[in-house]
Amino acid sequence: MGFFDKWMDKMTGTDTRHGTIGVDLPEAEGIVRYRLVFRGQVQGVGFRYTMRLEAQALSITGWVHNHYDGSVVAEVQGENAAIRMLVYRVQESRFIRIDDIEVEPIAPDKRESTFSVK
């Protein structure tokens, strides 16, 4: 945490730091697919583009888009460990704050080969 963040915490009585939230995925082997709904400070902060960049680096396919209620919805497909790492890496941005993640297992899409922002 930098000087400005510490100063703001002291002046406002708040804590601008935020921890990471883990994603609780069912135990599975091989390629899996999940519909994830992220809530928190997730729109207008580069969330979707950060997710696409990290997903591509981790060989995860799927898509992500903003939902009308302020959440971000994604379908991600890959190995469980890679999906956990994706969620962890997305939270590294100082502007993104995930308060809750809803997880729904869905059937993999064997035809999918990329990750896109919708």
Protein backbone atom coordinates (compact mmCIF):
# COMPACT_ATOMS: atom_id res chain seq x y z
CA MET A 1 0.00 0.00 0.00
CA GLY A 2 1.40 3.36 -1.02
CA PHE A 3 1.66 6.60 0.93
CA PHE A 4 -1.51 8.07 -0.58
CA ASP A 5 -3.58 4.99 0.34
CA LYS A 6 -2.27 5.04 3.92
CA TRP A 7 -2.98 8.76 4.18
CA MET A 8 -6.53 8.32 2.82
CA ASP A 9 -7.18 5.50 5.30
CA LYS A 10 -6.05 7.71 8.16
CA MET A 11 -8.03 10.74 6.97
CA THR A 12 -11.27 8.90 6.21
CA GLY A 13 -11.12 6.17 8.84
CA THR A 14 -11.47 3.51 6.16
CA ASP A 15 -9.27 0.80 4.77
CA THR A 16 -8.69 1.08 1.01
CA ARG A 17 -6.88 -2.24 0.92
CA HIS A 18 -8.88 -5.20 -0.15
CA GLY A 19 -8.08 -8.86 0.05
CA THR A 20 -8.75 -11.44 -2.56
CA ILE A 21 -11.76 -13.68 -2.57
CA GLY A 22 -11.30 -17.28 -3.61
CA VAL A 23 -13.60 -19.16 -5.91
CA ASP A 24 -15.09 -22.38 -4.54
CA LEU A 25 -15.13 -24.80 -7.47
CA PRO A 26 -16.35 -28.40 -7.32
CA GLU A 27 -13.58 -30.99 -7.50
CA ALA A 28 -13.20 -32.07 -11.11
CA GLU A 29 -10.53 -33.34 -13.46
CA GLY A 30 -10.03 -32.40 -17.07
CA ILE A 31 -11.73 -29.54 -18.87
CA VAL A 32 -14.64 -27.96 -16.98
CA ARG A 33 -16.89 -24.97 -17.66
CA TYR A 34 -18.50 -22.59 -15.19
CA ARG A 35 -20.84 -19.64 -15.35
CA LEU A 36 -19.42 -17.09 -12.91
CA VAL A 37 -21.24 -13.98 -11.69
CA PHE A 38 -18.95 -11.40 -10.08
CA ARG A 39 -20.35 -8.73 -7.76
CA GLY A 40 -18.54 -5.77 -6.26
CA GLN A 41 -16.59 -3.01 -7.96
CA VAL A 42 -16.44 -4.85 -11.28
CA GLN A 43 -17.81 -2.48 -13.94
CA GLY A 44 -15.93 0.52 -15.29
CA VAL A 45 -12.59 -0.69 -13.88
CA GLY A 46 -11.17 -2.76 -16.77
CA PHE A 47 -12.46 -6.05 -15.37
CA ARG A 48 -13.52 -7.61 -18.68
CA TYR A 49 -10.30 -6.74 -20.51
CA THR A 50 -8.16 -7.87 -17.58
CA MET A 51 -10.08 -11.14 -17.54
CA ARG A 52 -9.57 -11.65 -21.28
CA LEU A 53 -5.83 -11.00 -21.02
CA GLU A 54 -5.40 -13.38 -18.08
CA ALA A 55 -7.68 -16.04 -19.60
CA GLN A 56 -5.63 -16.04 -22.80
CA ALA A 57 -2.41 -16.37 -20.79
CA LEU A 58 -3.88 -19.37 -18.92
CA SER A 59 -5.36 -21.08 -22.03
CA ILE A 60 -8.91 -20.57 -20.78
CA THR A 61 -11.73 -20.16 -23.29
CA GLY A 62 -15.12 -18.51 -22.87
CA TRP A 63 -16.51 -15.02 -22.66
CA VAL A 64 -17.25 -12.17 -20.24
CA HIS A 65 -19.78 -9.33 -20.31
CA ASN A 66 -21.32 -6.63 -18.11
CA HIS A 67 -24.77 -7.41 -16.76
CA TYR A 68 -27.46 -4.74 -16.40
CA ASP A 69 -27.53 -5.11 -12.58
CA GLY A 70 -23.89 -3.98 -12.16
CA SER A 71 -22.41 -7.48 -11.98
CA VAL A 72 -20.12 -9.11 -14.53
CA VAL A 73 -21.04 -12.50 -15.97
CA ALA A 74 -18.50 -14.89 -17.47
CA GLU A 75 -18.42 -18.40 -18.83
CA VAL A 76 -14.96 -19.87 -18.41
CA GLN A 77 -13.66 -23.21 -19.62
CA GLY A 78 -10.39 -24.92 -18.74
CA GLU A 79 -8.69 -26.80 -15.93
CA ASN A 80 -9.94 -26.05 -12.39
CA ALA A 81 -6.51 -24.86 -11.29
CA ALA A 82 -6.29 -22.43 -14.21
CA ILE A 83 -9.75 -21.04 -13.47
CA ARG A 84 -8.82 -20.49 -9.81
CA MET A 85 -5.65 -18.71 -10.95
CA LEU A 86 -7.69 -16.57 -13.36
CA VAL A 87 -9.95 -15.34 -10.54
CA TYR A 88 -6.90 -14.63 -8.36
CA ARG A 89 -5.09 -12.68 -11.08
CA VAL A 90 -8.12 -10.58 -12.02
CA GLN A 91 -8.26 -9.32 -8.43
CA GLU A 92 -4.68 -8.06 -8.53
CA SER A 93 -5.82 -4.79 -10.11
CA ARG A 94 -6.15 -2.10 -7.48
CA PHE A 95 -9.38 -0.88 -9.07
CA ILE A 96 -11.22 -4.22 -9.11
CA ARG A 97 -12.94 -5.39 -5.93
CA ILE A 98 -14.85 -8.66 -5.95
CA ASP A 99 -17.26 -9.05 -3.04
CA ASP A 100 -19.01 -12.22 -4.18
CA ILE A 101 -18.72 -14.89 -6.87
CA GLU A 102 -21.65 -17.08 -7.84
CA VAL A 103 -20.53 -20.36 -9.45
CA GLU A 104 -22.66 -22.63 -11.65
CA PRO A 105 -21.14 -25.69 -13.36
CA ILE A 106 -22.28 -26.02 -16.98
CA ALA A 107 -21.48 -28.37 -19.86
CA PRO A 108 -18.19 -27.71 -21.69
CA ASP A 109 -18.34 -26.36 -25.26
CA LYS A 110 -15.92 -28.47 -27.34
CA ARG A 111 -16.18 -26.07 -30.31
CA GLU A 112 -14.94 -23.04 -28.38
CA SER A 113 -11.33 -21.98 -28.93
CA THR A 114 -11.02 -18.34 -27.76
CA PHE A 115 -11.94 -15.98 -24.93
CA SER A 116 -13.94 -12.90 -25.85
CA VAL A 117 -15.36 -9.74 -24.34
CA LYS A 118 -19.03 -9.22 -25.14
